[in-house]
Amino acid sequence: MPMIDPLPRDHDPEVAELATFFHETLGFVPNSVLTMQRRPAIAAAFIALNKAVMDPSHGVPSGLKRLIGYLASHAAGCRYCQAHTALAAQRYGIEAAKLADIWDYATSPHYSEAERAALDFALAAAAVPNAVTPALQERLRAHWDEGQVVEILGVVALFGYLNRWNDSMATSLEAGAESFAAEHLGGFGWDKGKHG
């Protein structure tokens, strides 16, 4: 049961207009954003940050950004964000076989060395305590330019915020995200946990 119930999508007209962004990424407005509406400035700032971090025009592919978010959310233990990022990865072109190989990305033929470096970095950056080493920084910089490194870490940091928000609020998981995650992540031990 959520600590605070989400408000209706049309509760704040400005937030409602900004939140149409999520119809592309997820097919619905997340309950986390609907809860943030109690302070519209927080919801609007979060949506703006999300759009900036997830902007596809800077070189890090949108699907990979969602996989980065998935691994960062898994490291944090947020089942809500795992469901969302897996669903969004599929919506941004990550094939089922690649998603199924996410835990074998280090050896899977579905992943490039550049993707492996980004995913290793995501796990290390999301760990508590932080596990990013100089060697890992160098591996990442061998494949990604400085702006792209900023994007990759931006995804990890964005999901750090969301992981804490959704786990602390016990945000209820939307039906579409729940069914997708149960089908595609259930074999890896995923369940909705407190997000029912």
N, C-alpha and C. Protein backbone atom coordinates (compact mmCIF):
# COMPACT_ATOMS: atom_id res chain seq x y z
N MET A 1 0.83 -1.17 0.00
CA MET A 1 0.00 0.00 0.00
C MET A 1 0.89 1.25 0.00
N PRO A 2 0.63 2.17 -0.92
CA PRO A 2 1.48 3.37 -0.98
C PRO A 2 1.29 4.25 0.25
N MET A 3 2.37 4.93 0.63
CA MET A 3 2.30 5.86 1.74
C MET A 3 1.37 7.02 1.38
N ILE A 4 1.47 7.49 0.13
CA ILE A 4 0.63 8.59 -0.36
C ILE A 4 0.09 8.18 -1.72
N ASP A 5 -1.23 8.25 -1.87
CA ASP A 5 -1.85 7.86 -3.13
C ASP A 5 -1.55 8.88 -4.23
N PRO A 6 -1.40 8.40 -5.47
CA PRO A 6 -1.23 9.33 -6.59
C PRO A 6 -2.49 10.18 -6.81
N LEU A 7 -2.28 11.38 -7.28
CA LEU A 7 -3.40 12.26 -7.63
C LEU A 7 -3.83 11.98 -9.07
N PRO A 8 -5.03 12.40 -9.45
CA PRO A 8 -5.46 12.22 -10.85
C PRO A 8 -4.52 12.95 -11.81
N ARG A 9 -4.42 12.42 -13.04
CA ARG A 9 -3.50 13.00 -14.03
C ARG A 9 -3.77 14.46 -14.30
N ASP A 10 -5.01 14.90 -14.20
CA ASP A 10 -5.35 16.29 -14.52
C ASP A 10 -5.36 17.20 -13.29
N HIS A 11 -4.78 16.76 -12.19
CA HIS A 11 -4.78 17.54 -10.95
C HIS A 11 -4.13 18.91 -11.14
N ASP A 12 -3.00 18.95 -11.81
CA ASP A 12 -2.29 20.21 -12.07
C ASP A 12 -2.09 20.33 -13.57
N PRO A 13 -2.69 21.32 -14.22
CA PRO A 13 -2.62 21.41 -15.68
C PRO A 13 -1.21 21.49 -16.24
N GLU A 14 -0.31 22.23 -15.57
CA GLU A 14 1.07 22.35 -16.06
C GLU A 14 1.78 21.00 -15.99
N VAL A 15 1.64 20.31 -14.87
CA VAL A 15 2.27 19.00 -14.72
C VAL A 15 1.67 18.02 -15.72
N ALA A 16 0.36 18.07 -15.90
CA ALA A 16 -0.30 17.17 -16.85
C ALA A 16 0.25 17.35 -18.26
N GLU A 17 0.48 18.59 -18.65
CA GLU A 17 1.02 18.85 -19.99
C GLU A 17 2.46 18.34 -20.09
N LEU A 18 3.27 18.62 -19.09
CA LEU A 18 4.66 18.16 -19.10
C LEU A 18 4.74 16.63 -19.07
N ALA A 19 3.83 16.00 -18.36
CA ALA A 19 3.88 14.56 -18.15
C ALA A 19 3.49 13.75 -19.38
N THR A 20 3.02 14.41 -20.44
CA THR A 20 2.72 13.66 -21.66
C THR A 20 3.97 12.99 -22.21
N PHE A 21 5.14 13.47 -21.82
CA PHE A 21 6.43 12.87 -22.17
C PHE A 21 6.45 11.38 -21.85
N PHE A 22 5.83 11.00 -20.76
CA PHE A 22 5.87 9.60 -20.32
C PHE A 22 4.99 8.68 -21.17
N HIS A 23 4.08 9.24 -21.94
CA HIS A 23 3.28 8.39 -22.83
C HIS A 23 4.17 7.76 -23.89
N GLU A 24 5.23 8.48 -24.30
CA GLU A 24 6.19 7.91 -25.25
C GLU A 24 7.06 6.88 -24.56
N THR A 25 7.56 7.19 -23.39
CA THR A 25 8.53 6.30 -22.75
C THR A 25 7.92 5.06 -22.14
N LEU A 26 6.73 5.19 -21.55
CA LEU A 26 6.12 4.07 -20.84
C LEU A 26 4.73 3.69 -21.34
N GLY A 27 4.06 4.65 -21.97
CA GLY A 27 2.68 4.43 -22.39
C GLY A 27 1.68 4.91 -21.36
N PHE A 28 2.15 5.50 -20.27
CA PHE A 28 1.30 6.02 -19.20
C PHE A 28 2.12 6.98 -18.36
N VAL A 29 1.44 7.78 -17.54
CA VAL A 29 2.13 8.66 -16.60
C VAL A 29 2.37 7.87 -15.32
N PRO A 30 3.61 7.77 -14.86
CA PRO A 30 3.91 6.97 -13.67
C PRO A 30 3.25 7.51 -12.40
N ASN A 31 2.88 6.59 -11.53
CA ASN A 31 2.31 6.98 -10.25
C ASN A 31 3.27 7.82 -9.42
N SER A 32 4.56 7.64 -9.62
CA SER A 32 5.53 8.47 -8.88
C SER A 32 5.32 9.95 -9.22
N VAL A 33 5.16 10.26 -10.49
CA VAL A 33 4.94 11.65 -10.92
C VAL A 33 3.59 12.14 -10.43
N LEU A 34 2.59 11.28 -10.46
CA LEU A 34 1.26 11.67 -9.99
C LEU A 34 1.27 11.97 -8.49
N THR A 35 2.15 11.32 -7.75
CA THR A 35 2.30 11.59 -6.32
C THR A 35 3.06 12.90 -6.11
N MET A 36 4.09 13.12 -6.93
CA MET A 36 4.88 14.36 -6.83
C MET A 36 4.03 15.61 -7.06
N GLN A 37 2.90 15.45 -7.74
CA GLN A 37 2.03 16.60 -8.06
C GLN A 37 1.58 17.36 -6.81
N ARG A 38 1.67 16.75 -5.65
CA ARG A 38 1.28 17.47 -4.43
C ARG A 38 2.15 18.71 -4.25
N ARG A 39 3.31 18.68 -4.87
CA ARG A 39 4.18 19.85 -4.96
C ARG A 39 4.52 20.00 -6.44
N PRO A 40 3.68 20.73 -7.19
CA PRO A 40 3.85 20.80 -8.64
C PRO A 40 5.24 21.22 -9.09
N ALA A 41 5.91 22.07 -8.32
CA ALA A 41 7.26 22.50 -8.72
C ALA A 41 8.22 21.31 -8.70
N ILE A 42 8.05 20.39 -7.74
CA ILE A 42 8.90 19.20 -7.70
C ILE A 42 8.61 18.32 -8.91
N ALA A 43 7.33 18.10 -9.20
CA ALA A 43 6.97 17.27 -10.36
C ALA A 43 7.50 17.88 -11.66
N ALA A 44 7.34 19.18 -11.83
CA ALA A 44 7.80 19.84 -13.05
C ALA A 44 9.33 19.78 -13.17
N ALA A 45 10.03 20.01 -12.08
CA ALA A 45 11.50 19.95 -12.11
C ALA A 45 11.97 18.53 -12.40
N PHE A 46 11.33 17.53 -11.81
CA PHE A 46 11.69 16.16 -12.07
C PHE A 46 11.48 15.81 -13.54
N ILE A 47 10.35 16.20 -14.11
CA ILE A 47 10.07 15.90 -15.53
C ILE A 47 11.12 16.57 -16.41
N ALA A 48 11.47 17.82 -16.10
CA ALA A 48 12.49 18.52 -16.89
C ALA A 48 13.83 17.80 -16.80
N LEU A 49 14.22 17.36 -15.61
CA LEU A 49 15.47 16.63 -15.46
C LEU A 49 15.41 15.31 -16.22
N ASN A 50 14.31 14.60 -16.11
CA ASN A 50 14.14 13.33 -16.82
C ASN A 50 14.30 13.53 -18.32
N LYS A 51 13.65 14.56 -18.85
CA LYS A 51 13.76 14.84 -20.29
C LYS A 51 15.20 15.15 -20.69
N ALA A 52 15.89 15.94 -19.88
CA ALA A 52 17.27 16.31 -20.19
C ALA A 52 18.20 15.10 -20.15
N VAL A 53 18.06 14.28 -19.12
CA VAL A 53 18.93 13.11 -18.97
C VAL A 53 18.65 12.09 -20.07
N MET A 54 17.39 11.88 -20.39
CA MET A 54 17.01 10.84 -21.35
C MET A 54 16.97 11.33 -22.80
N ASP A 55 17.35 12.57 -23.05
CA ASP A 55 17.37 13.12 -24.41
C ASP A 55 18.17 12.21 -25.32
N PRO A 56 17.55 11.72 -26.39
CA PRO A 56 18.23 10.76 -27.27
C PRO A 56 19.21 11.38 -28.26
N SER A 57 19.31 12.68 -28.29
CA SER A 57 20.10 13.33 -29.33
C SER A 57 21.58 13.48 -29.02
N HIS A 58 22.04 12.97 -27.88
CA HIS A 58 23.43 13.21 -27.47
C HIS A 58 24.37 12.03 -27.67
N GLY A 59 23.88 10.90 -28.14
CA GLY A 59 24.80 9.81 -28.48
C GLY A 59 24.67 8.53 -27.69
N VAL A 60 24.15 8.57 -26.48
CA VAL A 60 23.93 7.33 -25.74
C VAL A 60 22.53 6.84 -26.13
N PRO A 61 22.43 5.67 -26.73
CA PRO A 61 21.14 5.19 -27.22
C PRO A 61 20.08 5.10 -26.11
N SER A 62 18.85 5.43 -26.46
CA SER A 62 17.74 5.44 -25.49
C SER A 62 17.54 4.09 -24.82
N GLY A 63 17.62 3.02 -25.59
CA GLY A 63 17.45 1.69 -25.00
C GLY A 63 18.53 1.39 -23.98
N LEU A 64 19.77 1.75 -24.29
CA LEU A 64 20.87 1.52 -23.36
C LEU A 64 20.67 2.34 -22.09
N LYS A 65 20.18 3.56 -22.22
CA LYS A 65 19.92 4.37 -21.03
C LYS A 65 18.94 3.66 -20.10
N ARG A 66 17.94 3.02 -20.68
CA ARG A 66 16.96 2.31 -19.85
C ARG A 66 17.60 1.08 -19.20
N LEU A 67 18.52 0.40 -19.89
CA LEU A 67 19.22 -0.73 -19.28
C LEU A 67 20.13 -0.26 -18.15
N ILE A 68 20.76 0.89 -18.33
CA ILE A 68 21.57 1.50 -17.26
C ILE A 68 20.68 1.77 -16.06
N GLY A 69 19.52 2.36 -16.31
CA GLY A 69 18.56 2.62 -15.23
C GLY A 69 18.10 1.34 -14.55
N TYR A 70 17.92 0.28 -15.35
CA TYR A 70 17.50 -1.00 -14.79
C TYR A 70 18.56 -1.55 -13.83
N LEU A 71 19.82 -1.58 -14.28
CA LEU A 71 20.88 -2.12 -13.42
C LEU A 71 21.08 -1.25 -12.17
N ALA A 72 21.02 0.06 -12.33
CA ALA A 72 21.16 0.95 -11.18
C ALA A 72 20.00 0.71 -10.20
N SER A 73 18.80 0.51 -10.72
CA SER A 73 17.64 0.26 -9.86
C SER A 73 17.72 -1.11 -9.20
N HIS A 74 18.26 -2.07 -9.92
CA HIS A 74 18.44 -3.39 -9.32
C HIS A 74 19.44 -3.31 -8.17
N ALA A 75 20.53 -2.57 -8.38
CA ALA A 75 21.54 -2.41 -7.33
C ALA A 75 20.93 -1.76 -6.09
N ALA A 76 19.98 -0.83 -6.30
CA ALA A 76 19.32 -0.15 -5.19
C ALA A 76 18.17 -0.96 -4.61
N GLY A 77 17.72 -1.98 -5.35
CA GLY A 77 16.63 -2.83 -4.87
C GLY A 77 15.24 -2.32 -5.16
N CYS A 78 15.11 -1.32 -6.04
CA CYS A 78 13.79 -0.73 -6.33
C CYS A 78 13.06 -1.54 -7.40
N ARG A 79 12.09 -2.31 -7.00
CA ARG A 79 11.32 -3.16 -7.92
C ARG A 79 10.45 -2.33 -8.86
N TYR A 80 9.94 -1.22 -8.36
CA TYR A 80 9.12 -0.32 -9.18
C TYR A 80 9.93 0.18 -10.38
N CYS A 81 11.12 0.69 -10.12
CA CYS A 81 11.95 1.23 -11.20
C CYS A 81 12.50 0.14 -12.11
N GLN A 82 12.73 -1.05 -11.57
CA GLN A 82 13.15 -2.16 -12.43
C GLN A 82 12.07 -2.45 -13.47
N ALA A 83 10.82 -2.49 -13.03
CA ALA A 83 9.71 -2.75 -13.95
C ALA A 83 9.62 -1.67 -15.01
N HIS A 84 9.73 -0.41 -14.60
CA HIS A 84 9.63 0.71 -15.54
C HIS A 84 10.77 0.71 -16.55
N THR A 85 11.99 0.52 -16.08
CA THR A 85 13.14 0.60 -16.99
C THR A 85 13.16 -0.57 -17.97
N ALA A 86 12.76 -1.75 -17.52
CA ALA A 86 12.70 -2.90 -18.44
C ALA A 86 11.64 -2.67 -19.51
N LEU A 87 10.47 -2.19 -19.10
CA LEU A 87 9.41 -1.88 -20.07
C LEU A 87 9.88 -0.80 -21.05
N ALA A 88 10.48 0.26 -20.54
CA ALA A 88 10.95 1.35 -21.41
C ALA A 88 12.07 0.87 -22.34
N ALA A 89 12.94 0.00 -21.87
CA ALA A 89 14.01 -0.54 -22.73
C ALA A 89 13.39 -1.24 -23.93
N GLN A 90 12.38 -2.04 -23.69
CA GLN A 90 11.70 -2.73 -24.78
C GLN A 90 11.03 -1.72 -25.73
N ARG A 91 10.41 -0.70 -25.17
CA ARG A 91 9.74 0.32 -26.00
C ARG A 91 10.76 1.09 -26.85
N TYR A 92 12.02 1.15 -26.39
CA TYR A 92 13.07 1.85 -27.14
C TYR A 92 13.96 0.88 -27.92
N GLY A 93 13.42 -0.28 -28.26
CA GLY A 93 14.08 -1.15 -29.22
C GLY A 93 14.98 -2.24 -28.68
N ILE A 94 15.08 -2.41 -27.38
CA ILE A 94 15.89 -3.51 -26.84
C ILE A 94 15.10 -4.80 -27.06
N GLU A 95 15.70 -5.71 -27.80
CA GLU A 95 15.02 -6.96 -28.13
C GLU A 95 14.93 -7.86 -26.90
N ALA A 96 13.95 -8.76 -26.92
CA ALA A 96 13.71 -9.66 -25.79
C ALA A 96 14.95 -10.47 -25.44
N ALA A 97 15.69 -10.93 -26.46
CA ALA A 97 16.89 -11.75 -26.19
C ALA A 97 17.96 -10.93 -25.47
N LYS A 98 18.09 -9.68 -25.84
CA LYS A 98 19.08 -8.82 -25.18
C LYS A 98 18.65 -8.53 -23.74
N LEU A 99 17.37 -8.26 -23.53
CA LEU A 99 16.88 -8.02 -22.18
C LEU A 99 17.04 -9.29 -21.33
N ALA A 100 16.77 -10.45 -21.93
CA ALA A 100 16.91 -11.71 -21.20
C ALA A 100 18.36 -11.97 -20.80
N ASP A 101 19.30 -11.42 -21.57
CA ASP A 101 20.73 -11.60 -21.29
C ASP A 101 21.33 -10.51 -20.40
N ILE A 102 20.49 -9.65 -19.81
CA ILE A 102 21.01 -8.51 -19.06
C ILE A 102 21.98 -8.94 -17.96
N TRP A 103 21.73 -10.08 -17.31
CA TRP A 103 22.63 -10.50 -16.23
C TRP A 103 23.86 -11.23 -16.74
N ASP A 104 23.89 -11.50 -18.04
CA ASP A 104 25.06 -12.10 -18.66
C ASP A 104 25.72 -11.13 -19.64
N TYR A 105 25.45 -9.83 -19.45
CA TYR A 105 25.93 -8.85 -20.41
C TYR A 105 27.45 -8.89 -20.58
N ALA A 106 28.18 -9.30 -19.57
CA ALA A 106 29.65 -9.32 -19.64
C ALA A 106 30.16 -10.31 -20.67
N THR A 107 29.38 -11.34 -20.96
CA THR A 107 29.81 -12.36 -21.93
C THR A 107 28.83 -12.55 -23.08
N SER A 108 27.68 -11.94 -23.00
CA SER A 108 26.65 -12.13 -24.03
C SER A 108 27.06 -11.50 -25.35
N PRO A 109 26.83 -12.20 -26.46
CA PRO A 109 27.11 -11.61 -27.77
C PRO A 109 26.16 -10.47 -28.12
N HIS A 110 25.10 -10.29 -27.33
CA HIS A 110 24.15 -9.20 -27.58
C HIS A 110 24.67 -7.84 -27.13
N TYR A 111 25.79 -7.82 -26.39
CA TYR A 111 26.31 -6.57 -25.84
C TYR A 111 27.69 -6.27 -26.39
N SER A 112 27.91 -5.00 -26.73
CA SER A 112 29.22 -4.55 -27.21
C SER A 112 30.11 -4.21 -26.02
N GLU A 113 31.40 -4.01 -26.31
CA GLU A 113 32.33 -3.62 -25.25
C GLU A 113 31.95 -2.25 -24.67
N ALA A 114 31.48 -1.35 -25.52
CA ALA A 114 31.06 -0.04 -25.03
C ALA A 114 29.87 -0.17 -24.08
N GLU A 115 28.92 -1.01 -24.43
CA GLU A 115 27.76 -1.24 -23.56
C GLU A 115 28.19 -1.89 -22.25
N ARG A 116 29.10 -2.85 -22.33
CA ARG A 116 29.59 -3.52 -21.12
C ARG A 116 30.25 -2.51 -20.18
N ALA A 117 31.05 -1.63 -20.74
CA ALA A 117 31.70 -0.61 -19.90
C ALA A 117 30.66 0.28 -19.23
N ALA A 118 29.64 0.69 -19.98
CA ALA A 118 28.59 1.55 -19.42
C ALA A 118 27.81 0.82 -18.33
N LEU A 119 27.50 -0.45 -18.54
CA LEU A 119 26.73 -1.22 -17.56
C LEU A 119 27.56 -1.53 -16.32
N ASP A 120 28.85 -1.84 -16.50
CA ASP A 120 29.73 -2.03 -15.34
C ASP A 120 29.80 -0.75 -14.51
N PHE A 121 29.92 0.37 -15.21
CA PHE A 121 29.98 1.67 -14.53
C PHE A 121 28.68 1.93 -13.78
N ALA A 122 27.54 1.63 -14.41
CA ALA A 122 26.24 1.86 -13.77
C ALA A 122 26.13 1.08 -12.46
N LEU A 123 26.51 -0.17 -12.48
CA LEU A 123 26.45 -0.98 -11.25
C LEU A 123 27.37 -0.42 -10.18
N ALA A 124 28.57 -0.03 -10.57
CA ALA A 124 29.53 0.50 -9.60
C ALA A 124 29.09 1.85 -9.05
N ALA A 125 28.56 2.70 -9.93
CA ALA A 125 28.12 4.04 -9.51
C ALA A 125 26.89 3.98 -8.61
N ALA A 126 26.04 2.95 -8.80
CA ALA A 126 24.83 2.82 -7.99
C ALA A 126 25.08 2.10 -6.67
N ALA A 127 26.24 1.47 -6.55
CA ALA A 127 26.54 0.71 -5.33
C ALA A 127 26.74 1.64 -4.14
N VAL A 128 26.43 1.13 -2.96
CA VAL A 128 26.68 1.86 -1.72
C VAL A 128 27.53 0.97 -0.84
N PRO A 129 28.78 1.37 -0.55
CA PRO A 129 29.42 2.59 -1.02
C PRO A 129 29.78 2.51 -2.51
N ASN A 130 29.99 3.67 -3.08
CA ASN A 130 30.31 3.78 -4.50
C ASN A 130 31.53 2.92 -4.82
N ALA A 131 31.45 2.20 -5.94
CA ALA A 131 32.52 1.26 -6.31
C ALA A 131 33.22 1.64 -7.61
N VAL A 132 33.07 2.88 -8.06
CA VAL A 132 33.75 3.32 -9.28
C VAL A 132 35.24 3.47 -8.99
N THR A 133 36.05 2.80 -9.79
CA THR A 133 37.50 2.83 -9.64
C THR A 133 38.13 3.61 -10.80
N PRO A 134 39.38 4.05 -10.66
CA PRO A 134 40.05 4.69 -11.79
C PRO A 134 40.10 3.79 -13.02
N ALA A 135 40.30 2.50 -12.83
CA ALA A 135 40.34 1.58 -13.98
C ALA A 135 39.00 1.54 -14.70
N LEU A 136 37.91 1.55 -13.95
CA LEU A 136 36.58 1.55 -14.55
C LEU A 136 36.32 2.87 -15.26
N GLN A 137 36.76 3.97 -14.68
CA GLN A 137 36.63 5.27 -15.35
C GLN A 137 37.34 5.25 -16.70
N GLU A 138 38.54 4.69 -16.73
CA GLU A 138 39.30 4.63 -17.98
C GLU A 138 38.61 3.75 -19.02
N ARG A 139 38.07 2.61 -18.59
CA ARG A 139 37.33 1.74 -19.51
C ARG A 139 36.15 2.48 -20.11
N LEU A 140 35.43 3.20 -19.28
CA LEU A 140 34.27 3.95 -19.77
C LEU A 140 34.71 5.01 -20.77
N ARG A 141 35.76 5.75 -20.43
CA ARG A 141 36.23 6.84 -21.30
C ARG A 141 36.86 6.32 -22.59
N ALA A 142 37.23 5.05 -22.63
CA ALA A 142 37.76 4.47 -23.87
C ALA A 142 36.66 4.30 -24.92
N HIS A 143 35.41 4.28 -24.47
CA HIS A 143 34.29 4.03 -25.40
C HIS A 143 33.33 5.20 -25.54
N TRP A 144 33.33 6.11 -24.58
CA TRP A 144 32.34 7.19 -24.55
C TRP A 144 33.05 8.52 -24.35
N ASP A 145 32.57 9.57 -25.03
CA ASP A 145 33.19 10.89 -24.84
C ASP A 145 32.69 11.50 -23.53
N GLU A 146 33.25 12.64 -23.17
CA GLU A 146 32.96 13.25 -21.87
C GLU A 146 31.48 13.57 -21.70
N GLY A 147 30.85 14.09 -22.75
CA GLY A 147 29.42 14.38 -22.67
C GLY A 147 28.60 13.12 -22.47
N GLN A 148 28.99 12.04 -23.14
CA GLN A 148 28.27 10.79 -22.98
C GLN A 148 28.47 10.19 -21.59
N VAL A 149 29.65 10.35 -21.02
CA VAL A 149 29.88 9.90 -19.64
C VAL A 149 28.96 10.66 -18.69
N VAL A 150 28.81 11.97 -18.93
CA VAL A 150 27.89 12.77 -18.12
C VAL A 150 26.46 12.23 -18.26
N GLU A 151 26.06 11.89 -19.49
CA GLU A 151 24.73 11.30 -19.71
C GLU A 151 24.55 10.00 -18.94
N ILE A 152 25.54 9.12 -19.04
CA ILE A 152 25.46 7.81 -18.38
C ILE A 152 25.33 7.97 -16.87
N LEU A 153 26.17 8.83 -16.29
CA LEU A 153 26.07 9.06 -14.85
C LEU A 153 24.77 9.80 -14.52
N GLY A 154 24.31 10.64 -15.41
CA GLY A 154 23.02 11.31 -15.21
C GLY A 154 21.89 10.30 -15.06
N VAL A 155 21.92 9.24 -15.85
CA VAL A 155 20.89 8.19 -15.74
C VAL A 155 20.98 7.51 -14.38
N VAL A 156 22.20 7.15 -13.96
CA VAL A 156 22.37 6.50 -12.66
C VAL A 156 21.85 7.42 -11.55
N ALA A 157 22.20 8.69 -11.60
CA ALA A 157 21.79 9.64 -10.57
C ALA A 157 20.27 9.86 -10.59
N LEU A 158 19.69 9.97 -11.79
CA LEU A 158 18.24 10.13 -11.90
C LEU A 158 17.52 8.96 -11.24
N PHE A 159 18.00 7.76 -11.50
CA PHE A 159 17.34 6.60 -10.90
C PHE A 159 17.67 6.46 -9.42
N GLY A 160 18.78 7.03 -8.97
CA GLY A 160 19.02 7.08 -7.53
C GLY A 160 17.92 7.86 -6.83
N TYR A 161 17.53 8.97 -7.42
CA TYR A 161 16.41 9.77 -6.89
C TYR A 161 15.12 8.96 -6.93
N LEU A 162 14.83 8.39 -8.09
CA LEU A 162 13.58 7.63 -8.24
C LEU A 162 13.54 6.40 -7.35
N ASN A 163 14.66 5.70 -7.22
CA ASN A 163 14.69 4.50 -6.38
C ASN A 163 14.32 4.86 -4.94
N ARG A 164 14.88 5.93 -4.44
CA ARG A 164 14.58 6.33 -3.07
C ARG A 164 13.14 6.82 -2.94
N TRP A 165 12.68 7.57 -3.94
CA TRP A 165 11.30 8.07 -3.93
C TRP A 165 10.32 6.90 -3.89
N ASN A 166 10.45 6.00 -4.85
CA ASN A 166 9.45 4.94 -5.01
C ASN A 166 9.52 3.88 -3.93
N ASP A 167 10.70 3.55 -3.45
CA ASP A 167 10.78 2.58 -2.36
C ASP A 167 10.29 3.18 -1.04
N SER A 168 10.60 4.43 -0.79
CA SER A 168 10.14 5.07 0.45
C SER A 168 8.64 5.29 0.43
N MET A 169 8.08 5.65 -0.71
CA MET A 169 6.64 5.88 -0.86
C MET A 169 5.87 4.57 -1.04
N ALA A 170 6.57 3.47 -1.35
CA ALA A 170 5.92 2.20 -1.73
C ALA A 170 4.92 2.48 -2.86
N THR A 171 5.38 3.24 -3.84
CA THR A 171 4.53 3.63 -4.96
C THR A 171 3.90 2.41 -5.61
N SER A 172 2.60 2.48 -5.84
CA SER A 172 1.91 1.34 -6.45
C SER A 172 2.30 1.23 -7.93
N LEU A 173 2.58 0.00 -8.34
CA LEU A 173 3.01 -0.27 -9.70
C LEU A 173 1.81 -0.34 -10.63
N GLU A 174 1.92 0.30 -11.76
CA GLU A 174 0.86 0.31 -12.76
C GLU A 174 0.74 -1.08 -13.40
N ALA A 175 -0.46 -1.44 -13.81
CA ALA A 175 -0.74 -2.79 -14.32
C ALA A 175 0.15 -3.16 -15.50
N GLY A 176 0.33 -2.27 -16.46
CA GLY A 176 1.14 -2.58 -17.64
C GLY A 176 2.59 -2.85 -17.29
N ALA A 177 3.15 -2.07 -16.40
CA ALA A 177 4.53 -2.29 -15.98
C ALA A 177 4.66 -3.58 -15.17
N GLU A 178 3.67 -3.84 -14.34
CA GLU A 178 3.71 -5.05 -13.52
C GLU A 178 3.66 -6.32 -14.38
N SER A 179 2.75 -6.35 -15.35
CA SER A 179 2.64 -7.56 -16.19
C SER A 179 3.88 -7.74 -17.05
N PHE A 180 4.45 -6.66 -17.57
CA PHE A 180 5.67 -6.76 -18.37
C PHE A 180 6.81 -7.32 -17.52
N ALA A 181 6.99 -6.76 -16.33
CA ALA A 181 8.08 -7.20 -15.46
C ALA A 181 7.89 -8.64 -15.02
N ALA A 182 6.66 -9.02 -14.69
CA ALA A 182 6.42 -10.40 -14.28
C ALA A 182 6.81 -11.37 -15.38
N GLU A 183 6.49 -11.01 -16.62
CA GLU A 183 6.81 -11.88 -17.76
C GLU A 183 8.30 -11.90 -18.07
N HIS A 184 8.94 -10.75 -18.07
CA HIS A 184 10.32 -10.65 -18.55
C HIS A 184 11.39 -10.68 -17.45
N LEU A 185 11.01 -10.35 -16.23
CA LEU A 185 11.98 -10.30 -15.14
C LEU A 185 11.71 -11.34 -14.05
N GLY A 186 10.53 -11.93 -14.10
CA GLY A 186 10.15 -12.89 -13.07
C GLY A 186 11.12 -14.04 -12.94
N GLY A 187 11.69 -14.49 -14.05
CA GLY A 187 12.66 -15.58 -14.02
C GLY A 187 13.97 -15.21 -13.35
N PHE A 188 14.16 -13.91 -13.11
CA PHE A 188 15.37 -13.44 -12.43
C PHE A 188 15.08 -13.07 -10.98
N GLY A 189 13.93 -13.49 -10.48
CA GLY A 189 13.58 -13.25 -9.09
C GLY A 189 12.79 -11.98 -8.84
N TRP A 190 12.37 -11.28 -9.90
CA TRP A 190 11.61 -10.05 -9.69
C TRP A 190 10.20 -10.37 -9.21
N ASP A 191 9.72 -9.59 -8.25
CA ASP A 191 8.31 -9.53 -7.93
C ASP A 191 8.01 -8.09 -7.51
N LYS A 192 6.74 -7.73 -7.42
CA LYS A 192 6.42 -6.33 -7.17
C LYS A 192 6.71 -5.88 -5.75
N GLY A 193 6.93 -6.83 -4.84
CA GLY A 193 7.27 -6.45 -3.47
C GLY A 193 6.25 -5.51 -2.87
N LYS A 194 6.71 -4.42 -2.28
CA LYS A 194 5.83 -3.46 -1.60
C LYS A 194 5.03 -2.59 -2.56
N HIS A 195 5.24 -2.76 -3.85
CA HIS A 195 4.61 -1.87 -4.83
C HIS A 195 3.26 -2.37 -5.33
N GLY A 196 2.51 -3.05 -4.46
CA GLY A 196 1.23 -3.62 -4.84
C GLY A 196 0.07 -2.69 -4.65
